[in-house]
C-alpha atoms as a PDB file:
ATOM      1  CA  MET A   1      -6.992  16.815 -60.500  1.00  0.00           C
ATOM      2  CA  ALA A   2      -6.179  15.945 -56.889  1.00  0.00           C
ATOM      3  CA  LEU A   3      -8.015  13.119 -55.140  1.00  0.00           C
ATOM      4  CA  PRO A   4     -10.410  14.166 -52.343  1.00  0.00           C
ATOM      5  CA  ILE A   5      -9.141  14.089 -48.738  1.00  0.00           C
ATOM      6  CA  LEU A   6     -11.791  12.738 -46.401  1.00  0.00           C
ATOM      7  CA  GLU A   7     -12.627  14.577 -43.197  1.00  0.00           C
ATOM      8  CA  THR A   8     -12.381  12.633 -39.947  1.00  0.00           C
ATOM      9  CA  ALA A   9     -14.659  12.943 -36.920  1.00  0.00           C
ATOM     10  CA  THR A  10     -13.174  14.408 -33.741  1.00  0.00           C
ATOM     11  CA  TYR A  11     -13.914  13.306 -30.168  1.00  0.00           C
ATOM     12  CA  GLU A  12     -12.856  14.299 -26.652  1.00  0.00           C
ATOM     13  CA  LEU A  13     -11.752  12.361 -23.597  1.00  0.00           C
ATOM     14  CA  THR A  14     -10.402  13.260 -20.174  1.00  0.00           C
ATOM     15  CA  LEU A  15      -6.943  12.044 -19.137  1.00  0.00           C
ATOM     16  CA  PRO A  16      -7.306   9.925 -15.982  1.00  0.00           C
ATOM     17  CA  SER A  17      -4.079  11.243 -14.449  1.00  0.00           C
ATOM     18  CA  SER A  18      -4.793  14.961 -14.727  1.00  0.00           C
ATOM     19  CA  ASP A  19      -8.455  15.588 -15.699  1.00  0.00           C
ATOM     20  CA  VAL A  20      -7.163  17.399 -18.804  1.00  0.00           C
ATOM     21  CA  GLN A  21      -9.401  17.158 -21.865  1.00  0.00           C
ATOM     22  CA  VAL A  22      -7.805  15.877 -25.068  1.00  0.00           C
ATOM     23  CA  LYS A  23      -9.209  15.877 -28.588  1.00  0.00           C
ATOM     24  CA  TYR A  24      -8.639  12.772 -30.696  1.00  0.00           C
ATOM     25  CA  ARG A  25      -9.679  11.154 -33.942  1.00  0.00           C
ATOM     26  CA  PRO A  26      -9.946   7.554 -35.158  1.00  0.00           C
ATOM     27  CA  PHE A  27      -6.808   6.116 -36.724  1.00  0.00           C
ATOM     28  CA  LEU A  28      -6.547   5.991 -40.497  1.00  0.00           C
ATOM     29  CA  VAL A  29      -5.575   3.070 -42.723  1.00  0.00           C
ATOM     30  CA  LYS A  30      -1.944   4.246 -42.809  1.00  0.00           C
ATOM     31  CA  GLU A  31      -1.802   4.191 -38.989  1.00  0.00           C
ATOM     32  CA  GLU A  32      -3.563   0.843 -38.729  1.00  0.00           C
ATOM     33  CA  LYS A  33      -0.957  -0.504 -41.149  1.00  0.00           C
ATOM     34  CA  ILE A  34       1.816   0.685 -38.791  1.00  0.00           C
ATOM     35  CA  LEU A  35       0.180  -1.179 -35.898  1.00  0.00           C
ATOM     36  CA  LEU A  36      -0.412  -4.378 -37.888  1.00  0.00           C
ATOM     37  CA  LEU A  37       3.197  -4.459 -39.119  1.00  0.00           C
ATOM     38  CA  ALA A  38       4.464  -3.963 -35.556  1.00  0.00           C
ATOM     39  CA  MET A  39       2.237  -6.753 -34.227  1.00  0.00           C
ATOM     40  CA  GLU A  40       3.367  -9.075 -37.019  1.00  0.00           C
ATOM     41  CA  SER A  41       6.968  -8.433 -35.987  1.00  0.00           C
ATOM     42  CA  ASP A  42       6.119  -9.700 -32.474  1.00  0.00           C
ATOM     43  CA  ASN A  43       8.715  -7.223 -31.184  1.00  0.00           C
ATOM     44  CA  ALA A  44       7.719  -5.444 -27.955  1.00  0.00           C
ATOM     45  CA  GLY A  45       9.787  -2.377 -28.838  1.00  0.00           C
ATOM     46  CA  GLU A  46       8.170  -2.044 -32.270  1.00  0.00           C
ATOM     47  CA  ILE A  47       4.677  -2.454 -30.807  1.00  0.00           C
ATOM     48  CA  THR A  48       5.364   0.200 -28.154  1.00  0.00           C
ATOM     49  CA  LYS A  49       6.683   2.603 -30.797  1.00  0.00           C
ATOM     50  CA  ALA A  50       3.632   2.010 -33.007  1.00  0.00           C
ATOM     51  CA  LEU A  51       1.328   2.593 -30.055  1.00  0.00           C
ATOM     52  CA  LYS A  52       3.016   5.895 -29.207  1.00  0.00           C
ATOM     53  CA  ASP A  53       3.137   7.044 -32.843  1.00  0.00           C
ATOM     54  CA  ILE A  54      -0.586   6.362 -33.327  1.00  0.00           C
ATOM     55  CA  VAL A  55      -1.589   8.140 -30.099  1.00  0.00           C
ATOM     56  CA  HIS A  56       0.610  11.112 -31.052  1.00  0.00           C
ATOM     57  CA  ALA A  57      -0.946  11.352 -34.524  1.00  0.00           C
ATOM     58  CA  CYS A  58      -4.533  10.779 -33.399  1.00  0.00           C
ATOM     59  CA  THR A  59      -4.315  13.456 -30.687  1.00  0.00           C
ATOM     60  CA  PHE A  60      -3.023  15.941 -33.290  1.00  0.00           C
ATOM     61  CA  GLY A  61       0.404  16.112 -31.615  1.00  0.00           C
ATOM     62  CA  SER A  62      -1.123  17.920 -28.637  1.00  0.00           C
ATOM     63  CA  ILE A  63       0.483  15.744 -25.957  1.00  0.00           C
ATOM     64  CA  ASN A  64       3.969  14.409 -25.315  1.00  0.00           C
ATOM     65  CA  VAL A  65       3.497  10.643 -25.487  1.00  0.00           C
ATOM     66  CA  ASP A  66       6.980  10.055 -24.048  1.00  0.00           C
ATOM     67  CA  LEU A  67       5.866  11.627 -20.762  1.00  0.00           C
ATOM     68  CA  LEU A  68       2.381  10.088 -20.559  1.00  0.00           C
ATOM     69  CA  PRO A  69       1.763   7.623 -17.718  1.00  0.00           C
ATOM     70  CA  THR A  70       1.227   4.158 -19.159  1.00  0.00           C
ATOM     71  CA  PHE A  71      -2.416   4.048 -18.092  1.00  0.00           C
ATOM     72  CA  ASP A  72      -3.120   7.373 -19.858  1.00  0.00           C
ATOM     73  CA  LEU A  73      -1.508   6.112 -23.068  1.00  0.00           C
ATOM     74  CA  GLU A  74      -3.460   2.844 -22.947  1.00  0.00           C
ATOM     75  CA  TYR A  75      -6.730   4.659 -22.211  1.00  0.00           C
ATOM     76  CA  ILE A  76      -6.280   7.017 -25.175  1.00  0.00           C
ATOM     77  CA  PHE A  77      -5.395   4.160 -27.523  1.00  0.00           C
ATOM     78  CA  LEU A  78      -8.375   2.087 -26.369  1.00  0.00           C
ATOM     79  CA  ASN A  79     -10.711   4.994 -27.162  1.00  0.00           C
ATOM     80  CA  VAL A  80      -9.011   5.657 -30.512  1.00  0.00           C
ATOM     81  CA  ARG A  81      -9.382   1.994 -31.453  1.00  0.00           C
ATOM     82  CA  ALA A  82     -13.027   1.902 -30.334  1.00  0.00           C
ATOM     83  CA  LYS A  83     -13.871   4.852 -32.592  1.00  0.00           C
ATOM     84  CA  SER A  84     -11.817   3.362 -35.421  1.00  0.00           C
ATOM     85  CA  VAL A  85     -12.973  -0.253 -35.686  1.00  0.00           C
ATOM     86  CA  GLY A  86     -15.982  -0.489 -33.371  1.00  0.00           C
ATOM     87  CA  GLU A  87     -16.792  -0.183 -29.691  1.00  0.00           C
ATOM     88  CA  VAL A  88     -17.600  -3.876 -29.236  1.00  0.00           C
ATOM     89  CA  ALA A  89     -14.587  -6.161 -28.831  1.00  0.00           C
ATOM     90  CA  LYS A  90     -15.026  -9.906 -29.289  1.00  0.00           C
ATOM     91  CA  LEU A  91     -12.869 -11.796 -26.799  1.00  0.00           C
ATOM     92  CA  LYS A  92     -12.139 -15.461 -26.182  1.00  0.00           C
ATOM     93  CA  LEU A  93     -11.506 -15.970 -22.453  1.00  0.00           C
ATOM     94  CA  LEU A  94     -10.386 -18.990 -20.450  1.00  0.00           C
ATOM     95  CA  CYS A  95     -13.095 -20.021 -17.961  1.00  0.00           C
ATOM     96  CA  PRO A  96     -11.756 -19.967 -14.381  1.00  0.00           C
ATOM     97  CA  ASP A  97     -13.910 -22.850 -13.114  1.00  0.00           C
ATOM     98  CA  ASP A  98     -12.285 -25.602 -15.199  1.00  0.00           C
ATOM     99  CA  LYS A  99      -9.272 -23.708 -16.610  1.00  0.00           C
ATOM    100  CA  GLU A 100      -9.542 -25.485 -19.953  1.00  0.00           C
ATOM    101  CA  THR A 101     -12.681 -24.222 -21.711  1.00  0.00           C
ATOM    102  CA  TYR A 102     -12.788 -20.941 -23.616  1.00  0.00           C
ATOM    103  CA  ALA A 103     -15.888 -18.755 -23.853  1.00  0.00           C
ATOM    104  CA  ASN A 104     -16.745 -16.007 -26.335  1.00  0.00           C
ATOM    105  CA  VAL A 105     -17.460 -12.648 -24.718  1.00  0.00           C
ATOM    106  CA  GLU A 106     -18.489  -9.336 -26.239  1.00  0.00           C
ATOM    107  CA  LEU A 107     -17.210  -6.270 -24.405  1.00  0.00           C
ATOM    108  CA  ASP A 108     -18.341  -2.669 -24.850  1.00  0.00           C
ATOM    109  CA  LEU A 109     -15.019  -0.791 -24.870  1.00  0.00           C
ATOM    110  CA  SER A 110     -16.762   2.491 -24.041  1.00  0.00           C
ATOM    111  CA  LYS A 111     -17.377   1.129 -20.532  1.00  0.00           C
ATOM    112  CA  VAL A 112     -13.705   0.412 -19.837  1.00  0.00           C
ATOM    113  CA  GLU A 113     -12.085   2.923 -17.492  1.00  0.00           C
ATOM    114  CA  VAL A 114      -8.848   3.434 -15.596  1.00  0.00           C
ATOM    115  CA  GLN A 115      -9.448   2.107 -12.082  1.00  0.00           C
ATOM    116  CA  VAL A 116      -7.703   3.564  -9.027  1.00  0.00           C
ATOM    117  CA  ASP A 117      -7.087   1.555  -5.860  1.00  0.00           C
ATOM    118  CA  ASP A 118      -8.425   3.334  -2.766  1.00  0.00           C
ATOM    119  CA  ALA A 119      -5.133   2.634  -1.007  1.00  0.00           C
ATOM    120  CA  HIS A 120      -3.062   4.264  -3.727  1.00  0.00           C
ATOM    121  CA  THR A 121      -0.979   7.406  -3.219  1.00  0.00           C
ATOM    122  CA  ASN A 122       2.036   8.896  -4.962  1.00  0.00           C
ATOM    123  CA  GLU A 123       3.128  10.775  -1.820  1.00  0.00           C
ATOM    124  CA  ILE A 124       5.357   8.684   0.412  1.00  0.00           C
ATOM    125  CA  VAL A 125       5.736  10.023   3.951  1.00  0.00           C
ATOM    126  CA  VAL A 126       9.167   9.303   5.419  1.00  0.00           C
ATOM    127  CA  ASN A 127       8.693  11.227   8.674  1.00  0.00           C
ATOM    128  CA  ASP A 128       7.049  14.448   9.882  1.00  0.00           C
ATOM    129  CA  LYS A 129       9.587  16.464   7.890  1.00  0.00           C
ATOM    130  CA  ILE A 130      10.493  14.432   4.798  1.00  0.00           C
ATOM    131  CA  LYS A 131       8.249  13.051   2.069  1.00  0.00           C
ATOM    132  CA  ILE A 132       8.762  11.748  -1.465  1.00  0.00           C
ATOM    133  CA  LEU A 133       6.617  12.638  -4.469  1.00  0.00           C
ATOM    134  CA  LEU A 134       6.607   9.935  -7.148  1.00  0.00           C
ATOM    135  CA  SER A 135       5.680  10.392 -10.806  1.00  0.00           C
ATOM    136  CA  TYR A 136       3.852   7.735 -12.799  1.00  0.00           C
ATOM    137  CA  PRO A 137       6.082   5.598 -15.010  1.00  0.00           C
ATOM    138  CA  THR A 138       5.789   5.713 -18.772  1.00  0.00           C
ATOM    139  CA  ILE A 139       5.436   2.731 -21.082  1.00  0.00           C
ATOM    140  CA  ASP A 140       9.181   2.970 -21.799  1.00  0.00           C
ATOM    141  CA  SER A 141      10.271   3.001 -18.154  1.00  0.00           C
ATOM    142  CA  PHE A 142       8.160   0.294 -16.524  1.00  0.00           C
ATOM    143  CA  ASP A 143       6.146  -2.709 -17.671  1.00  0.00           C
ATOM    144  CA  PRO A 144       2.891  -2.629 -15.652  1.00  0.00           C
ATOM    145  CA  LYS A 145       2.771  -6.445 -15.749  1.00  0.00           C
ATOM    146  CA  MET A 146       5.979  -6.609 -13.728  1.00  0.00           C
ATOM    147  CA  ASP A 147       5.694  -7.359 -10.001  1.00  0.00           C
ATOM    148  CA  ALA A 148       7.655  -4.768  -8.010  1.00  0.00           C
ATOM    149  CA  ALA A 149       7.645  -7.058  -4.964  1.00  0.00           C
ATOM    150  CA  ASN A 150       9.571  -9.769  -6.849  1.00  0.00           C
ATOM    151  CA  MET A 151      12.056  -7.679  -8.813  1.00  0.00           C
ATOM    152  CA  LYS A 152      15.767  -8.124  -8.330  1.00  0.00           C
ATOM    153  CA  THR A 153      17.197  -5.469  -6.031  1.00  0.00           C
ATOM    154  CA  ALA A 154      19.255  -3.596  -8.626  1.00  0.00           C
ATOM    155  CA  GLN A 155      16.333  -3.510 -11.062  1.00  0.00           C
ATOM    156  CA  LEU A 156      13.926  -2.314  -8.365  1.00  0.00           C
ATOM    157  CA  PHE A 157      16.260   0.504  -7.319  1.00  0.00           C
ATOM    158  CA  ASP A 158      16.589   1.641 -10.935  1.00  0.00           C
ATOM    159  CA  VAL A 159      12.803   1.627 -11.446  1.00  0.00           C
ATOM    160  CA  ILE A 160      12.171   3.599  -8.237  1.00  0.00           C
ATOM    161  CA  THR A 161      14.937   6.069  -9.047  1.00  0.00           C
ATOM    162  CA  ASN A 162      13.277   6.772 -12.396  1.00  0.00           C
ATOM    163  CA  VAL A 163       9.940   7.686 -10.800  1.00  0.00           C
ATOM    164  CA  ILE A 164      11.176   9.904  -7.956  1.00  0.00           C
ATOM    165  CA  HIS A 165       9.983  13.388  -8.886  1.00  0.00           C
ATOM    166  CA  GLU A 166      10.727  15.465  -5.801  1.00  0.00           C
ATOM    167  CA  ILE A 167      11.904  15.008  -2.230  1.00  0.00           C
ATOM    168  CA  TYR A 168      10.567  17.428   0.360  1.00  0.00           C
ATOM    169  CA  ASP A 169      12.718  18.253   3.378  1.00  0.00           C
ATOM    170  CA  GLY A 170      10.587  20.698   5.317  1.00  0.00           C
ATOM    171  CA  GLU A 171      10.386  23.841   3.165  1.00  0.00           C
ATOM    172  CA  ILE A 172      13.210  22.674   0.899  1.00  0.00           C
ATOM    173  CA  VAL A 173      12.254  20.919  -2.357  1.00  0.00           C
ATOM    174  CA  HIS A 174      14.865  18.669  -3.970  1.00  0.00           C
ATOM    175  CA  LYS A 175      14.131  17.884  -7.621  1.00  0.00           C
ATOM    176  CA  ALA A 176      15.299  14.384  -8.512  1.00  0.00           C
ATOM    177  CA  SER A 177      16.559  15.638 -11.878  1.00  0.00           C
ATOM    178  CA  ASP A 178      19.208  17.679 -10.027  1.00  0.00           C
ATOM    179  CA  TYR A 179      20.830  14.558  -8.538  1.00  0.00           C
ATOM    180  CA  THR A 180      22.752  11.595  -9.894  1.00  0.00           C
ATOM    181  CA  LYS A 181      21.421   8.044  -9.869  1.00  0.00           C
ATOM    182  CA  LYS A 182      24.097   7.184  -7.280  1.00  0.00           C
ATOM    183  CA  GLU A 183      22.886   9.948  -4.945  1.00  0.00           C
ATOM    184  CA  LEU A 184      19.273   8.817  -5.310  1.00  0.00           C
ATOM    185  CA  HIS A 185      20.257   5.210  -4.639  1.00  0.00           C
ATOM    186  CA  GLU A 186      22.038   6.293  -1.459  1.00  0.00           C
ATOM    187  CA  PHE A 187      18.914   8.179  -0.388  1.00  0.00           C
ATOM    188  CA  LEU A 188      16.782   5.069  -0.940  1.00  0.00           C
ATOM    189  CA  GLU A 189      19.250   2.962   1.034  1.00  0.00           C
ATOM    190  CA  SER A 190      18.818   5.308   4.005  1.00  0.00           C
ATOM    191  CA  LEU A 191      15.053   4.690   4.218  1.00  0.00           C
ATOM    192  CA  SER A 192      13.435   2.345   6.718  1.00  0.00           C
ATOM    193  CA  SER A 193      11.972  -0.960   5.514  1.00  0.00           C
ATOM    194  CA  ASP A 194       8.413   0.278   6.150  1.00  0.00           C
ATOM    195  CA  VAL A 195       8.884   3.341   3.956  1.00  0.00           C
ATOM    196  CA  PHE A 196      10.479   1.242   1.210  1.00  0.00           C
ATOM    197  CA  LEU A 197       7.508  -1.141   1.293  1.00  0.00           C
ATOM    198  CA  ASN A 198       5.187   1.850   0.838  1.00  0.00           C
ATOM    199  CA  ILE A 199       7.148   2.815  -2.276  1.00  0.00           C
ATOM    200  CA  GLN A 200       6.678  -0.717  -3.625  1.00  0.00           C
ATOM    201  CA  LYS A 201       2.969  -0.405  -2.804  1.00  0.00           C
ATOM    202  CA  PHE A 202       2.855   2.614  -5.122  1.00  0.00           C
ATOM    203  CA  PHE A 203       3.503   0.231  -8.037  1.00  0.00           C
ATOM    204  CA  THR A 204       1.144  -2.557  -6.938  1.00  0.00           C
ATOM    205  CA  THR A 205      -1.785  -0.130  -6.422  1.00  0.00           C
ATOM    206  CA  MET A 206      -1.061   2.114  -9.401  1.00  0.00           C
ATOM    207  CA  PRO A 207      -4.022   3.142 -11.628  1.00  0.00           C
ATOM    208  CA  ARG A 208      -4.719   0.523 -14.276  1.00  0.00           C
ATOM    209  CA  LEU A 209      -6.870   0.117 -17.344  1.00  0.00           C
ATOM    210  CA  GLN A 210      -9.124  -2.693 -16.179  1.00  0.00           C
ATOM    211  CA  HIS A 211     -12.673  -4.001 -16.344  1.00  0.00           C
ATOM    212  CA  GLU A 212     -14.530  -6.930 -14.788  1.00  0.00           C
ATOM    213  CA  VAL A 213     -16.504  -9.202 -17.089  1.00  0.00           C
ATOM    214  CA  GLU A 214     -18.780 -12.182 -16.503  1.00  0.00           C
ATOM    215  CA  VAL A 215     -18.033 -15.388 -18.356  1.00  0.00           C
ATOM    216  CA  GLU A 216     -20.338 -18.394 -18.656  1.00  0.00           C
ATOM    217  CA  ASN A 217     -18.593 -21.687 -19.295  1.00  0.00           C
ATOM    218  CA  PRO A 218     -20.377 -23.244 -22.309  1.00  0.00           C
ATOM    219  CA  LYS A 219     -19.692 -26.747 -20.948  1.00  0.00           C
ATOM    220  CA  THR A 220     -20.372 -26.446 -17.217  1.00  0.00           C
ATOM    221  CA  LYS A 221     -22.763 -23.440 -17.393  1.00  0.00           C
ATOM    222  CA  VAL A 222     -20.878 -21.969 -14.432  1.00  0.00           C
ATOM    223  CA  THR A 223     -20.684 -18.168 -14.454  1.00  0.00           C
ATOM    224  CA  SER A 224     -17.427 -16.587 -13.262  1.00  0.00           C
ATOM    225  CA  LYS A 225     -16.008 -13.086 -13.057  1.00  0.00           C
ATOM    226  CA  ILE A 226     -12.698 -12.196 -14.712  1.00  0.00           C
ATOM    227  CA  MET A 227     -10.764  -8.974 -14.215  1.00  0.00           C
ATOM    228  CA  LEU A 228      -9.222  -7.825 -17.491  1.00  0.00           C
ATOM    229  CA  SER A 229      -6.182  -5.625 -16.913  1.00  0.00           C
ATOM    230  CA  GLY A 230      -3.825  -3.942 -19.352  1.00  0.00           C
ATOM    231  CA  LEU A 231      -4.356  -2.944 -22.962  1.00  0.00           C
ATOM    232  CA  GLN A 232      -3.747  -6.371 -24.533  1.00  0.00           C
ATOM    233  CA  SER A 233      -6.528  -7.932 -22.449  1.00  0.00           C
ATOM    234  CA  PHE A 234      -9.160  -5.992 -24.406  1.00  0.00           C
ATOM    235  CA  PHE A 235      -8.216  -7.265 -27.846  1.00  0.00           C
ATOM    236  CA  GLY A 236      -9.376 -10.648 -29.079  1.00  0.00           C
END
């Protein structure tokens, strides 16, 4: 006689990047095991793969995780985890006032959202005829903790080249996928410094999974605000 297979609850969320609704379920023991093994390995590549595999499985294979913007992937995983092991995360945070004391904080993960900077845009205007449309990087193509303003030149050019989606020249649309990396680099080199700075601004103002919390220092009783940003910040 076969063992019973338990049914799992299903939930819905809306992708921050596209307003598309996605169904998801909590992760199972077998998927939690994948994540724990990856975290024990302390290998960034293994952790990223586990994250993608779990999101793929828990969204019933309905989305291509390789093409998801990083903030979409993190948002889905945060919701999957909240429904799997509890919506309240217990964190230990360093108090900003003395920078040596840690405080325990409980955070309701259901309140965490992807925040968008008011100054953010993925359309870069070059002049009255030419503009660039940028796509959001995936977790494999760009580490959101990296500072685009302080990258080495070659690395920055490679990162920007990877996110160029289309270049508009009046009525003509040039798809980046139709051009070589060398041709795209030459195009970037022809831009003015102001336009190039606006491209860098795309990265610094990009949507992020973040949430502000209040922390009271147990020693000094001083209350401070801390902005948590990025998926790892929400796990104690």
